[in-house]
Structure formats: structure tokens, C-alpha cells
Amino acid sequence: MEAGAQHNVPHFHAYYQNEAAVFSIDSIELIAGNIPKRQQRFIEAWAELHKAELLEDWKLLQDGNLPFSIEPLK
């Protein structure tokens, strides 16, 4: 996909060990992949706290720019 090209709904990717998942930003829900339930709940809580930053980064990526770093889940 070309940089700056719109694709799918606003989303982010999350990784845990050998698992990967995709979460929508607007509704903070799992839309693809598989992550253990405990980690999924942590990711969803983190995303709620950083929703505005995730949406801003999504907009930057859609315009072909690099996203800002967001504080990771610790």
C-alpha cells in the first residue's frame, strides 16, 4: 500500500509474544488477530487512555507522515 493511501478503519496493531492483533481506535475493540484475554484487556485500557494520540497518529500516517511515539504499556 502506498504511503498516505487510506485503508480500513482507524486502527492500531498490538503484539504480545508470538501473537498479533488489530484493534479499532474509535470503538477500541479487537477486529482481527488473537491475543490472550488478559493482555487484550490491558491493551484496551491503554488504548482508552491514549485514544486521542492514536487518532492523531492515524491521521499522520494517512497523510504519509511518521507517527509520534506513544508511551508503551508497562
PDB file of N, CA and C in Angstrom:
ATOM      1  N   MET A   1       0.846  -1.182   0.000  1.00  0.00           N
ATOM      2  CA  MET A   1       0.000   0.000   0.000  1.00  0.00           C
ATOM      3  C   MET A   1       0.887   1.239   0.000  1.00  0.00           C
ATOM      4  N   GLU A   2       0.522   2.189  -0.761  1.00  0.00           N
ATOM      5  CA  GLU A   2       1.265   3.440  -0.890  1.00  0.00           C
ATOM      6  C   GLU A   2       1.101   4.299   0.368  1.00  0.00           C
ATOM      7  N   ALA A   3       2.175   4.940   0.784  1.00  0.00           N
ATOM      8  CA  ALA A   3       2.115   5.826   1.948  1.00  0.00           C
ATOM      9  C   ALA A   3       1.083   6.910   1.694  1.00  0.00           C
ATOM     10  N   GLY A   4       0.281   7.181   2.683  1.00  0.00           N
ATOM     11  CA  GLY A   4      -0.730   8.215   2.557  1.00  0.00           C
ATOM     12  C   GLY A   4      -2.043   7.719   1.981  1.00  0.00           C
ATOM     13  N   ALA A   5      -2.085   6.460   1.542  1.00  0.00           N
ATOM     14  CA  ALA A   5      -3.323   5.915   0.992  1.00  0.00           C
ATOM     15  C   ALA A   5      -4.223   5.434   2.123  1.00  0.00           C
ATOM     16  N   GLN A   6      -5.504   5.801   2.071  1.00  0.00           N
ATOM     17  CA  GLN A   6      -6.461   5.409   3.106  1.00  0.00           C
ATOM     18  C   GLN A   6      -6.705   3.903   3.028  1.00  0.00           C
ATOM     19  N   HIS A   7      -6.650   3.231   4.160  1.00  0.00           N
ATOM     20  CA  HIS A   7      -7.026   1.825   4.188  1.00  0.00           C
ATOM     21  C   HIS A   7      -7.726   1.487   5.488  1.00  0.00           C
ATOM     22  N   ASN A   8      -8.806   0.748   5.367  1.00  0.00           N
ATOM     23  CA  ASN A   8      -9.565   0.267   6.515  1.00  0.00           C
ATOM     24  C   ASN A   8     -10.032   1.391   7.441  1.00  0.00           C
ATOM     25  N   VAL A   9     -10.539   0.982   8.575  1.00  0.00           N
ATOM     26  CA  VAL A   9     -10.956   1.935   9.605  1.00  0.00           C
ATOM     27  C   VAL A   9      -9.738   2.317  10.426  1.00  0.00           C
ATOM     28  N   PRO A  10      -9.778   3.432  11.144  1.00  0.00           N
ATOM     29  CA  PRO A  10      -8.643   3.777  12.010  1.00  0.00           C
ATOM     30  C   PRO A  10      -8.374   2.632  12.991  1.00  0.00           C
ATOM     31  N   HIS A  11      -7.144   2.166  13.010  1.00  0.00           N
ATOM     32  CA  HIS A  11      -6.800   1.020  13.837  1.00  0.00           C
ATOM     33  C   HIS A  11      -5.334   1.051  14.235  1.00  0.00           C
ATOM     34  N   PHE A  12      -4.975   0.192  15.165  1.00  0.00           N
ATOM     35  CA  PHE A  12      -3.577   0.014  15.538  1.00  0.00           C
ATOM     36  C   PHE A  12      -3.302  -1.467  15.733  1.00  0.00           C
ATOM     37  N   HIS A  13      -2.031  -1.812  15.636  1.00  0.00           N
ATOM     38  CA  HIS A  13      -1.604  -3.193  15.792  1.00  0.00           C
ATOM     39  C   HIS A  13      -0.965  -3.370  17.162  1.00  0.00           C
ATOM     40  N   ALA A  14      -1.240  -4.507  17.781  1.00  0.00           N
ATOM     41  CA  ALA A  14      -0.661  -4.825  19.086  1.00  0.00           C
ATOM     42  C   ALA A  14      -0.016  -6.205  19.003  1.00  0.00           C
ATOM     43  N   TYR A  15       1.086  -6.364  19.715  1.00  0.00           N
ATOM     44  CA  TYR A  15       1.838  -7.618  19.689  1.00  0.00           C
ATOM     45  C   TYR A  15       2.117  -8.088  21.109  1.00  0.00           C
ATOM     46  N   TYR A  16       1.983  -9.377  21.315  1.00  0.00           N
ATOM     47  CA  TYR A  16       2.322  -9.989  22.600  1.00  0.00           C
ATOM     48  C   TYR A  16       2.937 -11.345  22.304  1.00  0.00           C
ATOM     49  N   GLN A  17       4.201 -11.502  22.681  1.00  0.00           N
ATOM     50  CA  GLN A  17       4.959 -12.714  22.391  1.00  0.00           C
ATOM     51  C   GLN A  17       4.817 -13.046  20.909  1.00  0.00           C
ATOM     52  N   ASN A  18       4.265 -14.182  20.555  1.00  0.00           N
ATOM     53  CA  ASN A  18       4.130 -14.559  19.137  1.00  0.00           C
ATOM     54  C   ASN A  18       2.754 -14.244  18.573  1.00  0.00           C
ATOM     55  N   GLU A  19       1.960 -13.495  19.309  1.00  0.00           N
ATOM     56  CA  GLU A  19       0.593 -13.165  18.895  1.00  0.00           C
ATOM     57  C   GLU A  19       0.517 -11.725  18.384  1.00  0.00           C
ATOM     58  N   ALA A  20      -0.413 -11.505  17.480  1.00  0.00           N
ATOM     59  CA  ALA A  20      -0.630 -10.154  16.948  1.00  0.00           C
ATOM     60  C   ALA A  20      -2.130  -9.935  16.802  1.00  0.00           C
ATOM     61  N   ALA A  21      -2.541  -8.688  16.979  1.00  0.00           N
ATOM     62  CA  ALA A  21      -3.952  -8.350  16.848  1.00  0.00           C
ATOM     63  C   ALA A  21      -4.088  -6.925  16.332  1.00  0.00           C
ATOM     64  N   VAL A  22      -5.252  -6.642  15.783  1.00  0.00           N
ATOM     65  CA  VAL A  22      -5.573  -5.314  15.282  1.00  0.00           C
ATOM     66  C   VAL A  22      -6.810  -4.833  16.038  1.00  0.00           C
ATOM     67  N   PHE A  23      -6.732  -3.603  16.547  1.00  0.00           N
ATOM     68  CA  PHE A  23      -7.830  -3.006  17.311  1.00  0.00           C
ATOM     69  C   PHE A  23      -8.307  -1.745  16.607  1.00  0.00           C
ATOM     70  N   SER A  24      -9.620  -1.556  16.551  1.00  0.00           N
ATOM     71  CA  SER A  24     -10.148  -0.296  16.030  1.00  0.00           C
ATOM     72  C   SER A  24      -9.888   0.781  17.072  1.00  0.00           C
ATOM     73  N   ILE A  25      -9.687   2.001  16.616  1.00  0.00           N
ATOM     74  CA  ILE A  25      -9.424   3.110  17.530  1.00  0.00           C
ATOM     75  C   ILE A  25     -10.735   3.725  18.017  1.00  0.00           C
ATOM     76  N   ASP A  26     -11.687   3.909  17.134  1.00  0.00           N
ATOM     77  CA  ASP A  26     -12.931   4.587  17.510  1.00  0.00           C
ATOM     78  C   ASP A  26     -13.680   3.859  18.620  1.00  0.00           C
ATOM     79  N   SER A  27     -13.811   2.546  18.496  1.00  0.00           N
ATOM     80  CA  SER A  27     -14.578   1.783  19.491  1.00  0.00           C
ATOM     81  C   SER A  27     -13.690   0.954  20.414  1.00  0.00           C
ATOM     82  N   ILE A  28     -12.378   1.012  20.221  1.00  0.00           N
ATOM     83  CA  ILE A  28     -11.407   0.228  20.985  1.00  0.00           C
ATOM     84  C   ILE A  28     -11.903  -1.206  21.130  1.00  0.00           C
ATOM     85  N   GLU A  29     -11.886  -1.927  20.004  1.00  0.00           N
ATOM     86  CA  GLU A  29     -12.265  -3.330  20.042  1.00  0.00           C
ATOM     87  C   GLU A  29     -11.395  -4.127  19.086  1.00  0.00           C
ATOM     88  N   LEU A  30     -11.227  -5.389  19.422  1.00  0.00           N
ATOM     89  CA  LEU A  30     -10.445  -6.304  18.600  1.00  0.00           C
ATOM     90  C   LEU A  30     -11.169  -6.523  17.279  1.00  0.00           C
ATOM     91  N   ILE A  31     -10.461  -6.306  16.164  1.00  0.00           N
ATOM     92  CA  ILE A  31     -11.093  -6.523  14.858  1.00  0.00           C
ATOM     93  C   ILE A  31     -10.406  -7.618  14.059  1.00  0.00           C
ATOM     94  N   ALA A  32      -9.203  -8.031  14.477  1.00  0.00           N
ATOM     95  CA  ALA A  32      -8.511  -9.119  13.794  1.00  0.00           C
ATOM     96  C   ALA A  32      -7.401  -9.645  14.694  1.00  0.00           C
ATOM     97  N   GLY A  33      -7.064 -10.892  14.496  1.00  0.00           N
ATOM     98  CA  GLY A  33      -5.959 -11.478  15.239  1.00  0.00           C
ATOM     99  C   GLY A  33      -6.400 -12.099  16.547  1.00  0.00           C
ATOM    100  N   ASN A  34      -5.391 -12.467  17.333  1.00  0.00           N
ATOM    101  CA  ASN A  34      -5.654 -13.166  18.579  1.00  0.00           C
ATOM    102  C   ASN A  34      -4.589 -12.813  19.600  1.00  0.00           C
ATOM    103  N   ILE A  35      -5.035 -12.350  20.755  1.00  0.00           N
ATOM    104  CA  ILE A  35      -4.158 -12.001  21.869  1.00  0.00           C
ATOM    105  C   ILE A  35      -4.819 -12.617  23.111  1.00  0.00           C
ATOM    106  N   PRO A  36      -4.041 -13.141  24.041  1.00  0.00           N
ATOM    107  CA  PRO A  36      -4.671 -13.672  25.260  1.00  0.00           C
ATOM    108  C   PRO A  36      -5.580 -12.628  25.911  1.00  0.00           C
ATOM    109  N   LYS A  37      -6.687 -13.099  26.488  1.00  0.00           N
ATOM    110  CA  LYS A  37      -7.722 -12.212  27.027  1.00  0.00           C
ATOM    111  C   LYS A  37      -7.173 -11.214  28.039  1.00  0.00           C
ATOM    112  N   ARG A  38      -6.294 -11.645  28.927  1.00  0.00           N
ATOM    113  CA  ARG A  38      -5.737 -10.726  29.940  1.00  0.00           C
ATOM    114  C   ARG A  38      -4.985  -9.579  29.272  1.00  0.00           C
ATOM    115  N   GLN A  39      -4.143  -9.899  28.306  1.00  0.00           N
ATOM    116  CA  GLN A  39      -3.388  -8.880  27.598  1.00  0.00           C
ATOM    117  C   GLN A  39      -4.316  -8.002  26.757  1.00  0.00           C
ATOM    118  N   GLN A  40      -5.355  -8.600  26.191  1.00  0.00           N
ATOM    119  CA  GLN A  40      -6.319  -7.825  25.419  1.00  0.00           C
ATOM    120  C   GLN A  40      -6.954  -6.747  26.284  1.00  0.00           C
ATOM    121  N   ARG A  41      -7.319  -7.084  27.512  1.00  0.00           N
ATOM    122  CA  ARG A  41      -7.925  -6.092  28.411  1.00  0.00           C
ATOM    123  C   ARG A  41      -6.947  -4.964  28.734  1.00  0.00           C
ATOM    124  N   PHE A  42      -5.664  -5.299  28.940  1.00  0.00           N
ATOM    125  CA  PHE A  42      -4.655  -4.268  29.189  1.00  0.00           C
ATOM    126  C   PHE A  42      -4.504  -3.345  27.978  1.00  0.00           C
ATOM    127  N   ILE A  43      -4.466  -3.936  26.800  1.00  0.00           N
ATOM    128  CA  ILE A  43      -4.322  -3.150  25.564  1.00  0.00           C
ATOM    129  C   ILE A  43      -5.519  -2.222  25.392  1.00  0.00           C
ATOM    130  N   GLU A  44      -6.719  -2.729  25.639  1.00  0.00           N
ATOM    131  CA  GLU A  44      -7.914  -1.908  25.503  1.00  0.00           C
ATOM    132  C   GLU A  44      -7.906  -0.752  26.506  1.00  0.00           C
ATOM    133  N   ALA A  45      -7.473  -1.020  27.731  1.00  0.00           N
ATOM    134  CA  ALA A  45      -7.386   0.045  28.744  1.00  0.00           C
ATOM    135  C   ALA A  45      -6.354   1.083  28.336  1.00  0.00           C
ATOM    136  N   TRP A  46      -5.208   0.624  27.839  1.00  0.00           N
ATOM    137  CA  TRP A  46      -4.150   1.534  27.372  1.00  0.00           C
ATOM    138  C   TRP A  46      -4.683   2.398  26.219  1.00  0.00           C
ATOM    139  N   ALA A  47      -5.387   1.759  25.286  1.00  0.00           N
ATOM    140  CA  ALA A  47      -5.903   2.488  24.120  1.00  0.00           C
ATOM    141  C   ALA A  47      -6.928   3.546  24.529  1.00  0.00           C
ATOM    142  N   GLU A  48      -7.750   3.250  25.525  1.00  0.00           N
ATOM    143  CA  GLU A  48      -8.708   4.251  26.012  1.00  0.00           C
ATOM    144  C   GLU A  48      -7.970   5.474  26.546  1.00  0.00           C
ATOM    145  N   LEU A  49      -6.873   5.250  27.270  1.00  0.00           N
ATOM    146  CA  LEU A  49      -6.079   6.355  27.816  1.00  0.00           C
ATOM    147  C   LEU A  49      -5.381   7.173  26.734  1.00  0.00           C
ATOM    148  N   HIS A  50      -5.057   6.538  25.614  1.00  0.00           N
ATOM    149  CA  HIS A  50      -4.269   7.177  24.555  1.00  0.00           C
ATOM    150  C   HIS A  50      -5.057   7.340  23.249  1.00  0.00           C
ATOM    151  N   LYS A  51      -6.368   7.316  23.338  1.00  0.00           N
ATOM    152  CA  LYS A  51      -7.215   7.370  22.141  1.00  0.00           C
ATOM    153  C   LYS A  51      -6.933   8.599  21.276  1.00  0.00           C
ATOM    154  N   ALA A  52      -6.827   9.765  21.890  1.00  0.00           N
ATOM    155  CA  ALA A  52      -6.565  10.989  21.121  1.00  0.00           C
ATOM    156  C   ALA A  52      -5.226  10.896  20.396  1.00  0.00           C
ATOM    157  N   GLU A  53      -4.219  10.368  21.062  1.00  0.00           N
ATOM    158  CA  GLU A  53      -2.893  10.222  20.435  1.00  0.00           C
ATOM    159  C   GLU A  53      -2.939   9.199  19.293  1.00  0.00           C
ATOM    160  N   LEU A  54      -3.670   8.116  19.501  1.00  0.00           N
ATOM    161  CA  LEU A  54      -3.803   7.104  18.451  1.00  0.00           C
ATOM    162  C   LEU A  54      -4.476   7.682  17.215  1.00  0.00           C
ATOM    163  N   LEU A  55      -5.524   8.472  17.429  1.00  0.00           N
ATOM    164  CA  LEU A  55      -6.218   9.094  16.290  1.00  0.00           C
ATOM    165  C   LEU A  55      -5.322  10.110  15.574  1.00  0.00           C
ATOM    166  N   GLU A  56      -4.556  10.873  16.336  1.00  0.00           N
ATOM    167  CA  GLU A  56      -3.631  11.828  15.726  1.00  0.00           C
ATOM    168  C   GLU A  56      -2.574  11.091  14.896  1.00  0.00           C
ATOM    169  N   ASP A  57      -2.028  10.013  15.449  1.00  0.00           N
ATOM    170  CA  ASP A  57      -1.047   9.226  14.707  1.00  0.00           C
ATOM    171  C   ASP A  57      -1.664   8.611  13.448  1.00  0.00           C
ATOM    172  N   TRP A  58      -2.913   8.165  13.547  1.00  0.00           N
ATOM    173  CA  TRP A  58      -3.604   7.610  12.376  1.00  0.00           C
ATOM    174  C   TRP A  58      -3.676   8.670  11.271  1.00  0.00           C
ATOM    175  N   LYS A  59      -4.042   9.888  11.656  1.00  0.00           N
ATOM    176  CA  LYS A  59      -4.136  10.974  10.669  1.00  0.00           C
ATOM    177  C   LYS A  59      -2.770  11.268  10.049  1.00  0.00           C
ATOM    178  N   LEU A  60      -1.729  11.270  10.868  1.00  0.00           N
ATOM    179  CA  LEU A  60      -0.373  11.496  10.342  1.00  0.00           C
ATOM    180  C   LEU A  60      -0.006  10.422   9.328  1.00  0.00           C
ATOM    181  N   LEU A  61      -0.267   9.174   9.665  1.00  0.00           N
ATOM    182  CA  LEU A  61       0.058   8.069   8.760  1.00  0.00           C
ATOM    183  C   LEU A  61      -0.726   8.162   7.459  1.00  0.00           C
ATOM    184  N   GLN A  62      -1.994   8.548   7.536  1.00  0.00           N
ATOM    185  CA  GLN A  62      -2.815   8.673   6.332  1.00  0.00           C
ATOM    186  C   GLN A  62      -2.318   9.781   5.415  1.00  0.00           C
ATOM    187  N   ASP A  63      -1.630  10.770   5.992  1.00  0.00           N
ATOM    188  CA  ASP A  63      -1.045  11.854   5.203  1.00  0.00           C
ATOM    189  C   ASP A  63       0.375  11.537   4.747  1.00  0.00           C
ATOM    190  N   GLY A  64       0.843  10.311   5.046  1.00  0.00           N
ATOM    191  CA  GLY A  64       2.176   9.900   4.615  1.00  0.00           C
ATOM    192  C   GLY A  64       3.287  10.324   5.558  1.00  0.00           C
ATOM    193  N   ASN A  65       2.941  10.747   6.763  1.00  0.00           N
ATOM    194  CA  ASN A  65       3.937  11.171   7.746  1.00  0.00           C
ATOM    195  C   ASN A  65       4.193  10.066   8.770  1.00  0.00           C
ATOM    196  N   LEU A  66       5.297  10.183   9.477  1.00  0.00           N
ATOM    197  CA  LEU A  66       5.600   9.234  10.538  1.00  0.00           C
ATOM    198  C   LEU A  66       4.801   9.583  11.788  1.00  0.00           C
ATOM    199  N   PRO A  67       4.371   8.562  12.536  1.00  0.00           N
ATOM    200  CA  PRO A  67       3.612   8.835  13.758  1.00  0.00           C
ATOM    201  C   PRO A  67       4.528   9.255  14.898  1.00  0.00           C
ATOM    202  N   PHE A  68       3.939   9.890  15.908  1.00  0.00           N
ATOM    203  CA  PHE A  68       4.663  10.203  17.126  1.00  0.00           C
ATOM    204  C   PHE A  68       4.702   8.961  18.002  1.00  0.00           C
ATOM    205  N   SER A  69       5.665   8.886  18.856  1.00  0.00           N
ATOM    206  CA  SER A  69       5.759   7.776  19.796  1.00  0.00           C
ATOM    207  C   SER A  69       4.721   7.977  20.896  1.00  0.00           C
ATOM    208  N   ILE A  70       4.070   6.887  21.285  1.00  0.00           N
ATOM    209  CA  ILE A  70       3.096   6.907  22.378  1.00  0.00           C
ATOM    210  C   ILE A  70       3.656   6.050  23.496  1.00  0.00           C
ATOM    211  N   GLU A  71       3.490   6.534  24.725  1.00  0.00           N
ATOM    212  CA  GLU A  71       4.004   5.798  25.887  1.00  0.00           C
ATOM    213  C   GLU A  71       3.510   4.360  25.845  1.00  0.00           C
ATOM    214  N   PRO A  72       4.427   3.404  25.930  1.00  0.00           N
ATOM    215  CA  PRO A  72       4.024   1.993  25.824  1.00  0.00           C
ATOM    216  C   PRO A  72       3.320   1.483  27.090  1.00  0.00           C
ATOM    217  N   LEU A  73       2.704   0.364  26.931  1.00  0.00           N
ATOM    218  CA  LEU A  73       2.108  -0.345  28.050  1.00  0.00           C
ATOM    219  C   LEU A  73       3.235  -0.934  28.874  1.00  0.00           C
ATOM    220  N   LYS A  74       3.228  -0.672  30.183  1.00  0.00           N
ATOM    221  CA  LYS A  74       4.316  -1.189  31.036  1.00  0.00           C
ATOM    222  C   LYS A  74       3.792  -2.184  32.024  1.00  0.00           C
TER     223      LYS A  74
END
